[in-house]
Protein backbone atom coordinates (compact mmCIF):
# COMPACT_ATOMS: atom_id res chain seq x y z
CA UNK A 1 121.29 57.60 104.45
CA UNK A 2 120.58 54.03 103.49
CA UNK A 3 123.13 54.22 100.68
CA UNK A 4 125.83 55.51 103.03
CA UNK A 5 125.09 52.83 105.61
CA UNK A 6 125.08 50.14 102.92
CA UNK A 7 128.40 51.40 101.51
CA UNK A 8 129.96 51.08 104.97
CA UNK A 9 128.55 47.57 105.39
CA UNK A 10 129.77 46.54 101.92
CA UNK A 11 133.26 47.85 102.65
CA UNK A 12 133.50 45.94 105.92
CA UNK A 13 132.35 42.79 104.14
CA UNK A 14 135.03 43.29 101.44
CA UNK A 15 137.85 43.77 103.96
CA UNK A 16 138.93 40.13 103.67
CA UNK A 17 139.06 40.37 99.86
CA UNK A 18 141.02 43.63 99.96
CA UNK A 19 143.64 42.28 102.33
CA UNK A 20 143.87 39.03 100.39
CA UNK A 21 144.41 40.96 97.14
CA UNK A 22 147.09 43.06 98.85
CA UNK A 23 148.83 39.86 99.97
CA UNK A 24 148.71 38.41 96.44
CA UNK A 25 150.02 41.59 94.84
CA UNK A 26 153.60 41.50 93.58
CA UNK A 27 155.84 40.91 95.45
CA UNK A 28 153.52 38.30 96.92
CA UNK A 29 153.31 38.04 100.68
CA UNK A 30 154.66 41.48 101.62
CA UNK A 31 153.45 41.59 105.23
CA UNK A 32 154.42 45.22 105.61
CA UNK A 33 152.18 46.24 102.72
CA UNK A 34 149.27 44.12 103.97
CA UNK A 35 149.69 45.62 107.44
CA UNK A 36 149.76 49.15 106.08
CA UNK A 37 146.65 48.55 103.95
CA UNK A 38 144.89 46.97 106.93
CA UNK A 39 145.90 49.79 109.30
CA UNK A 40 144.69 52.46 106.90
CA UNK A 41 141.40 50.67 106.19
CA UNK A 42 140.70 50.18 109.90
CA UNK A 43 141.37 53.86 110.55
CA UNK A 44 138.98 54.81 107.76
CA UNK A 45 136.34 52.32 108.91
CA UNK A 46 136.42 53.47 112.53
CA UNK A 47 136.16 57.13 111.49
CA UNK A 48 133.36 56.27 109.05
CA UNK A 49 131.43 54.35 111.70
CA UNK A 50 131.42 57.25 114.14
CA UNK A 51 130.69 59.78 111.41
CA UNK A 52 127.78 57.71 110.11
CA UNK A 53 126.19 57.40 113.54
CA UNK A 54 126.40 61.18 113.90
CA UNK A 55 124.96 61.81 110.42
CA UNK A 56 122.21 59.23 111.02
CA UNK A 57 121.27 61.06 114.23
CA UNK A 58 121.17 64.42 112.43
CA UNK A 59 119.06 62.94 109.65
CA UNK A 60 116.66 61.39 112.15
CA UNK A 61 116.26 64.72 113.97
CA UNK A 62 115.50 66.43 110.65
CA UNK A 63 112.89 63.89 109.64
CA UNK A 64 111.37 63.62 113.15
CA UNK A 65 111.42 67.18 114.52
CA UNK A 66 108.81 66.47 117.21
CA UNK A 67 110.62 63.47 118.70
CA UNK A 68 111.93 64.28 122.17
CA UNK A 69 114.15 61.28 122.79
CA UNK A 70 115.94 61.62 126.10
CA UNK A 71 119.73 61.12 126.29
CA UNK A 72 119.18 58.29 128.78
CA UNK A 73 117.18 56.30 126.22
CA UNK A 74 120.21 54.61 124.71
CA UNK A 75 118.26 51.79 123.06
CA UNK A 76 116.24 54.22 120.95
CA UNK A 77 119.33 56.29 120.13
CA UNK A 78 121.22 53.19 119.03
CA UNK A 79 118.28 52.25 116.84
CA UNK A 80 117.98 55.50 114.89
CA UNK A 81 121.73 56.08 114.64
CA UNK A 82 122.21 52.49 113.39
CA UNK A 83 125.04 52.19 115.95
CA UNK A 84 124.44 48.50 116.74
CA UNK A 85 124.24 47.51 113.09
CA UNK A 86 127.37 49.42 112.12
CA UNK A 87 129.26 48.07 115.14
CA UNK A 88 128.22 44.51 114.27
CA UNK A 89 129.60 44.74 110.74
CA UNK A 90 132.72 46.57 111.91
CA UNK A 91 133.48 43.85 114.48
CA UNK A 92 132.27 40.77 112.58
CA UNK A 93 133.79 41.54 109.21
CA UNK A 94 136.22 44.45 109.25
CA UNK A 95 137.98 43.82 112.54
CA UNK A 96 137.85 40.04 112.14
CA UNK A 97 139.56 40.22 108.73
CA UNK A 98 142.13 42.67 110.06
CA UNK A 99 142.97 40.33 112.95
CA UNK A 100 143.38 37.38 110.58
CA UNK A 101 145.78 39.27 108.34
CA UNK A 102 147.66 41.45 110.84
């Protein structure tokens, strides 16, 4: 799971570079292309974030079968699903780059 989470984080951190490269591609400055690339990447990132939290939860339940975390214990759930970490990188890098270029 660590590799999947790290791949998501790396992709969000590369969002600025990807959009910049799309802008520099010939013909340079095609805002429609940059917007389309950004839209598609944001769609993929948002789907990946929610999928990863689900997979992280399933993995945690497999590796900790005796843990009886209650649904009301959102802090613990956010910790083992990595929800806060993924959301931080999504907002701070992915969404921030998208907003700069959109």
